[in-house]
Amino acid sequence: SSEPDDILIERGGVAVVVDGMSLMYVLGSTLDYVENLTGSYFRVDNPNASSSCGCGTSFSI
């Protein structure tokens, strides 16, 4: 369920909900859906991140 301060972003038939408090941390990010032989996952590329894990799913600001 969404909250009043949640932001809904829709692109190419896909909807992503970001809570209002986190929005400033993910602005400018790209979200890719990757499928390969090892499985499928979402990869986040955040230019504001000071570090990230090797899999691209988490980051530090």
PDB file of N, CA and C in Angstrom:
ATOM      1  N   SER A   1       0.843  -1.182   0.000  1.00  0.00           N
ATOM      2  CA  SER A   1       0.000   0.000   0.000  1.00  0.00           C
ATOM      3  C   SER A   1       0.886   1.244   0.000  1.00  0.00           C
ATOM      4  N   SER A   2       0.466   2.248  -0.701  1.00  0.00           N
ATOM      5  CA  SER A   2       1.271   3.458  -0.787  1.00  0.00           C
ATOM      6  C   SER A   2       0.851   4.473   0.268  1.00  0.00           C
ATOM      7  N   GLU A   3       1.768   5.343   0.573  1.00  0.00           N
ATOM      8  CA  GLU A   3       1.560   6.405   1.555  1.00  0.00           C
ATOM      9  C   GLU A   3       1.357   7.729   0.821  1.00  0.00           C
ATOM     10  N   PRO A   4       0.804   8.733   1.477  1.00  0.00           N
ATOM     11  CA  PRO A   4       0.541  10.019   0.814  1.00  0.00           C
ATOM     12  C   PRO A   4       1.783  10.691   0.230  1.00  0.00           C
ATOM     13  N   ASP A   5       2.969  10.490   0.828  1.00  0.00           N
ATOM     14  CA  ASP A   5       4.173  11.145   0.307  1.00  0.00           C
ATOM     15  C   ASP A   5       4.950  10.279  -0.686  1.00  0.00           C
ATOM     16  N   ASP A   6       4.420   9.123  -1.075  1.00  0.00           N
ATOM     17  CA  ASP A   6       5.070   8.263  -2.061  1.00  0.00           C
ATOM     18  C   ASP A   6       4.979   8.890  -3.449  1.00  0.00           C
ATOM     19  N   ILE A   7       5.998   8.653  -4.254  1.00  0.00           N
ATOM     20  CA  ILE A   7       6.059   9.156  -5.618  1.00  0.00           C
ATOM     21  C   ILE A   7       5.968   7.963  -6.557  1.00  0.00           C
ATOM     22  N   LEU A   8       5.048   8.024  -7.521  1.00  0.00           N
ATOM     23  CA  LEU A   8       4.878   6.968  -8.518  1.00  0.00           C
ATOM     24  C   LEU A   8       5.543   7.418  -9.808  1.00  0.00           C
ATOM     25  N   ILE A   9       6.464   6.601 -10.314  1.00  0.00           N
ATOM     26  CA  ILE A   9       7.168   6.886 -11.559  1.00  0.00           C
ATOM     27  C   ILE A   9       6.843   5.762 -12.526  1.00  0.00           C
ATOM     28  N   GLU A  10       6.321   6.112 -13.707  1.00  0.00           N
ATOM     29  CA  GLU A  10       5.971   5.113 -14.713  1.00  0.00           C
ATOM     30  C   GLU A  10       6.743   5.378 -15.997  1.00  0.00           C
ATOM     31  N   ARG A  11       7.380   4.333 -16.517  1.00  0.00           N
ATOM     32  CA  ARG A  11       8.108   4.410 -17.784  1.00  0.00           C
ATOM     33  C   ARG A  11       7.968   3.078 -18.502  1.00  0.00           C
ATOM     34  N   GLY A  12       7.605   3.111 -19.750  1.00  0.00           N
ATOM     35  CA  GLY A  12       7.555   1.902 -20.562  1.00  0.00           C
ATOM     36  C   GLY A  12       6.669   0.812 -20.009  1.00  0.00           C
ATOM     37  N   GLY A  13       5.575   1.186 -19.363  1.00  0.00           N
ATOM     38  CA  GLY A  13       4.655   0.198 -18.822  1.00  0.00           C
ATOM     39  C   GLY A  13       5.060  -0.379 -17.479  1.00  0.00           C
ATOM     40  N   VAL A  14       6.128   0.159 -16.883  1.00  0.00           N
ATOM     41  CA  VAL A  14       6.604  -0.308 -15.583  1.00  0.00           C
ATOM     42  C   VAL A  14       6.423   0.819 -14.571  1.00  0.00           C
ATOM     43  N   ALA A  15       5.910   0.484 -13.385  1.00  0.00           N
ATOM     44  CA  ALA A  15       5.706   1.471 -12.327  1.00  0.00           C
ATOM     45  C   ALA A  15       6.643   1.189 -11.160  1.00  0.00           C
ATOM     46  N   VAL A  16       7.270   2.243 -10.651  1.00  0.00           N
ATOM     47  CA  VAL A  16       8.141   2.162  -9.481  1.00  0.00           C
ATOM     48  C   VAL A  16       7.638   3.183  -8.473  1.00  0.00           C
ATOM     49  N   VAL A  17       7.532   2.781  -7.215  1.00  0.00           N
ATOM     50  CA  VAL A  17       7.099   3.681  -6.148  1.00  0.00           C
ATOM     51  C   VAL A  17       8.297   3.976  -5.251  1.00  0.00           C
ATOM     52  N   VAL A  18       8.547   5.265  -5.026  1.00  0.00           N
ATOM     53  CA  VAL A  18       9.636   5.701  -4.154  1.00  0.00           C
ATOM     54  C   VAL A  18       9.021   6.512  -3.024  1.00  0.00           C
ATOM     55  N   ASP A  19       9.420   6.201  -1.786  1.00  0.00           N
ATOM     56  CA  ASP A  19       8.872   6.989  -0.683  1.00  0.00           C
ATOM     57  C   ASP A  19       9.489   8.384  -0.709  1.00  0.00           C
ATOM     58  N   GLY A  20       8.715   9.365  -0.293  1.00  0.00           N
ATOM     59  CA  GLY A  20       9.123  10.761  -0.366  1.00  0.00           C
ATOM     60  C   GLY A  20      10.439  11.058   0.320  1.00  0.00           C
ATOM     61  N   MET A  21      10.732  10.397   1.432  1.00  0.00           N
ATOM     62  CA  MET A  21      11.970  10.639   2.167  1.00  0.00           C
ATOM     63  C   MET A  21      13.196  10.152   1.387  1.00  0.00           C
ATOM     64  N   SER A  22      13.048   9.099   0.599  1.00  0.00           N
ATOM     65  CA  SER A  22      14.181   8.524  -0.138  1.00  0.00           C
ATOM     66  C   SER A  22      14.389   9.158  -1.502  1.00  0.00           C
ATOM     67  N   LEU A  23      13.424   9.916  -1.979  1.00  0.00           N
ATOM     68  CA  LEU A  23      13.490  10.452  -3.337  1.00  0.00           C
ATOM     69  C   LEU A  23      14.772  11.228  -3.589  1.00  0.00           C
ATOM     70  N   MET A  24      15.195  12.079  -2.665  1.00  0.00           N
ATOM     71  CA  MET A  24      16.394  12.892  -2.887  1.00  0.00           C
ATOM     72  C   MET A  24      17.652  12.034  -3.034  1.00  0.00           C
ATOM     73  N   TYR A  25      17.647  10.813  -2.493  1.00  0.00           N
ATOM     74  CA  TYR A  25      18.807   9.937  -2.587  1.00  0.00           C
ATOM     75  C   TYR A  25      18.871   9.168  -3.903  1.00  0.00           C
ATOM     76  N   VAL A  26      17.761   9.039  -4.586  1.00  0.00           N
ATOM     77  CA  VAL A  26      17.747   8.257  -5.825  1.00  0.00           C
ATOM     78  C   VAL A  26      17.549   9.116  -7.074  1.00  0.00           C
ATOM     79  N   LEU A  27      17.403  10.437  -6.909  1.00  0.00           N
ATOM     80  CA  LEU A  27      17.270  11.312  -8.075  1.00  0.00           C
ATOM     81  C   LEU A  27      18.488  11.164  -8.977  1.00  0.00           C
ATOM     82  N   GLY A  28      18.271  11.044 -10.262  1.00  0.00           N
ATOM     83  CA  GLY A  28      19.350  10.875 -11.222  1.00  0.00           C
ATOM     84  C   GLY A  28      19.761   9.435 -11.440  1.00  0.00           C
ATOM     85  N   SER A  29      19.176   8.503 -10.696  1.00  0.00           N
ATOM     86  CA  SER A  29      19.521   7.086 -10.824  1.00  0.00           C
ATOM     87  C   SER A  29      18.826   6.459 -12.024  1.00  0.00           C
ATOM     88  N   THR A  30      19.416   5.386 -12.520  1.00  0.00           N
ATOM     89  CA  THR A  30      18.755   4.564 -13.526  1.00  0.00           C
ATOM     90  C   THR A  30      18.525   3.183 -12.928  1.00  0.00           C
ATOM     91  N   LEU A  31      17.433   2.587 -13.316  1.00  0.00           N
ATOM     92  CA  LEU A  31      17.063   1.256 -12.845  1.00  0.00           C
ATOM     93  C   LEU A  31      16.937   0.353 -14.062  1.00  0.00           C
ATOM     94  N   ASP A  32      17.755  -0.680 -14.124  1.00  0.00           N
ATOM     95  CA  ASP A  32      17.733  -1.634 -15.233  1.00  0.00           C
ATOM     96  C   ASP A  32      17.303  -3.001 -14.729  1.00  0.00           C
ATOM     97  N   TYR A  33      16.570  -3.715 -15.573  1.00  0.00           N
ATOM     98  CA  TYR A  33      16.213  -5.102 -15.288  1.00  0.00           C
ATOM     99  C   TYR A  33      17.135  -5.971 -16.119  1.00  0.00           C
ATOM    100  N   VAL A  34      17.891  -6.832 -15.467  1.00  0.00           N
ATOM    101  CA  VAL A  34      18.903  -7.651 -16.126  1.00  0.00           C
ATOM    102  C   VAL A  34      18.490  -9.113 -16.061  1.00  0.00           C
ATOM    103  N   GLU A  35      18.577  -9.794 -17.193  1.00  0.00           N
ATOM    104  CA  GLU A  35      18.356 -11.243 -17.263  1.00  0.00           C
ATOM    105  C   GLU A  35      19.588 -11.868 -17.899  1.00  0.00           C
ATOM    106  N   ASN A  36      20.155 -12.869 -17.228  1.00  0.00           N
ATOM    107  CA  ASN A  36      21.281 -13.595 -17.800  1.00  0.00           C
ATOM    108  C   ASN A  36      21.240 -15.046 -17.324  1.00  0.00           C
ATOM    109  N   LEU A  37      22.300 -15.783 -17.560  1.00  0.00           N
ATOM    110  CA  LEU A  37      22.317 -17.206 -17.216  1.00  0.00           C
ATOM    111  C   LEU A  37      22.226 -17.464 -15.714  1.00  0.00           C
ATOM    112  N   THR A  38      22.646 -16.509 -14.901  1.00  0.00           N
ATOM    113  CA  THR A  38      22.611 -16.710 -13.451  1.00  0.00           C
ATOM    114  C   THR A  38      21.292 -16.287 -12.821  1.00  0.00           C
ATOM    115  N   GLY A  39      20.427 -15.638 -13.583  1.00  0.00           N
ATOM    116  CA  GLY A  39      19.128 -15.222 -13.050  1.00  0.00           C
ATOM    117  C   GLY A  39      18.722 -13.857 -13.556  1.00  0.00           C
ATOM    118  N   SER A  40      17.816 -13.230 -12.852  1.00  0.00           N
ATOM    119  CA  SER A  40      17.354 -11.894 -13.213  1.00  0.00           C
ATOM    120  C   SER A  40      17.333 -11.023 -11.962  1.00  0.00           C
ATOM    121  N   TYR A  41      17.570  -9.726 -12.166  1.00  0.00           N
ATOM    122  CA  TYR A  41      17.634  -8.807 -11.031  1.00  0.00           C
ATOM    123  C   TYR A  41      17.508  -7.367 -11.522  1.00  0.00           C
ATOM    124  N   PHE A  42      17.270  -6.468 -10.586  1.00  0.00           N
ATOM    125  CA  PHE A  42      17.274  -5.045 -10.879  1.00  0.00           C
ATOM    126  C   PHE A  42      18.655  -4.493 -10.549  1.00  0.00           C
ATOM    127  N   ARG A  43      19.206  -3.674 -11.441  1.00  0.00           N
ATOM    128  CA  ARG A  43      20.506  -3.042 -11.218  1.00  0.00           C
ATOM    129  C   ARG A  43      20.281  -1.534 -11.113  1.00  0.00           C
ATOM    130  N   VAL A  44      20.763  -0.936 -10.035  1.00  0.00           N
ATOM    131  CA  VAL A  44      20.624   0.501  -9.803  1.00  0.00           C
ATOM    132  C   VAL A  44      21.956   1.178 -10.096  1.00  0.00           C
ATOM    133  N   ASP A  45      21.935   2.194 -10.957  1.00  0.00           N
ATOM    134  CA  ASP A  45      23.114   3.014 -11.208  1.00  0.00           C
ATOM    135  C   ASP A  45      22.811   4.394 -10.641  1.00  0.00           C
ATOM    136  N   ASN A  46      23.437   4.712  -9.509  1.00  0.00           N
ATOM    137  CA  ASN A  46      23.188   5.975  -8.826  1.00  0.00           C
ATOM    138  C   ASN A  46      24.452   6.824  -8.878  1.00  0.00           C
ATOM    139  N   PRO A  47      24.455   7.908  -9.670  1.00  0.00           N
ATOM    140  CA  PRO A  47      25.655   8.742  -9.773  1.00  0.00           C
ATOM    141  C   PRO A  47      25.998   9.468  -8.470  1.00  0.00           C
ATOM    142  N   ASN A  48      25.072   9.527  -7.525  1.00  0.00           N
ATOM    143  CA  ASN A  48      25.310  10.193  -6.247  1.00  0.00           C
ATOM    144  C   ASN A  48      25.911   9.267  -5.197  1.00  0.00           C
ATOM    145  N   ALA A  49      26.008   7.977  -5.499  1.00  0.00           N
ATOM    146  CA  ALA A  49      26.482   6.997  -4.520  1.00  0.00           C
ATOM    147  C   ALA A  49      27.987   7.122  -4.314  1.00  0.00           C
ATOM    148  N   SER A  50      28.413   7.047  -3.058  1.00  0.00           N
ATOM    149  CA  SER A  50      29.842   7.082  -2.753  1.00  0.00           C
ATOM    150  C   SER A  50      30.465   5.698  -2.883  1.00  0.00           C
ATOM    151  N   SER A  51      29.655   4.646  -2.753  1.00  0.00           N
ATOM    152  CA  SER A  51      30.115   3.273  -2.940  1.00  0.00           C
ATOM    153  C   SER A  51      28.912   2.403  -3.264  1.00  0.00           C
ATOM    154  N   SER A  52      29.182   1.247  -3.855  1.00  0.00           N
ATOM    155  CA  SER A  52      28.099   0.316  -4.173  1.00  0.00           C
ATOM    156  C   SER A  52      28.627  -1.099  -4.114  1.00  0.00           C
ATOM    157  N   CYS A  53      27.702  -2.052  -4.030  1.00  0.00           N
ATOM    158  CA  CYS A  53      28.104  -3.454  -4.019  1.00  0.00           C
ATOM    159  C   CYS A  53      28.377  -3.896  -5.455  1.00  0.00           C
ATOM    160  N   GLY A  54      29.009  -5.005  -5.635  1.00  0.00           N
ATOM    161  CA  GLY A  54      29.335  -5.502  -6.958  1.00  0.00           C
ATOM    162  C   GLY A  54      28.137  -5.884  -7.793  1.00  0.00           C
ATOM    163  N   CYS A  55      27.020  -6.214  -7.150  1.00  0.00           N
ATOM    164  CA  CYS A  55      25.846  -6.656  -7.897  1.00  0.00           C
ATOM    165  C   CYS A  55      24.992  -5.486  -8.370  1.00  0.00           C
ATOM    166  N   GLY A  56      25.226  -4.273  -7.871  1.00  0.00           N
ATOM    167  CA  GLY A  56      24.482  -3.104  -8.314  1.00  0.00           C
ATOM    168  C   GLY A  56      23.112  -2.942  -7.689  1.00  0.00           C
ATOM    169  N   THR A  57      22.833  -3.645  -6.589  1.00  0.00           N
ATOM    170  CA  THR A  57      21.508  -3.535  -5.986  1.00  0.00           C
ATOM    171  C   THR A  57      21.482  -2.686  -4.726  1.00  0.00           C
ATOM    172  N   SER A  58      22.639  -2.334  -4.176  1.00  0.00           N
ATOM    173  CA  SER A  58      22.653  -1.464  -3.002  1.00  0.00           C
ATOM    174  C   SER A  58      23.787  -0.452  -3.144  1.00  0.00           C
ATOM    175  N   PHE A  59      23.657   0.659  -2.427  1.00  0.00           N
ATOM    176  CA  PHE A  59      24.661   1.711  -2.519  1.00  0.00           C
ATOM    177  C   PHE A  59      24.655   2.543  -1.248  1.00  0.00           C
ATOM    178  N   SER A  60      25.728   3.325  -1.062  1.00  0.00           N
ATOM    179  CA  SER A  60      25.853   4.248   0.074  1.00  0.00           C
ATOM    180  C   SER A  60      25.950   5.664  -0.458  1.00  0.00           C
ATOM    181  N   ILE A  61      25.399   6.592   0.326  1.00  0.00           N
ATOM    182  CA  ILE A  61      25.480   8.007  -0.074  1.00  0.00           C
ATOM    183  C   ILE A  61      26.163   8.773   1.030  1.00  0.00           C
TER     184      ILE A  61
END
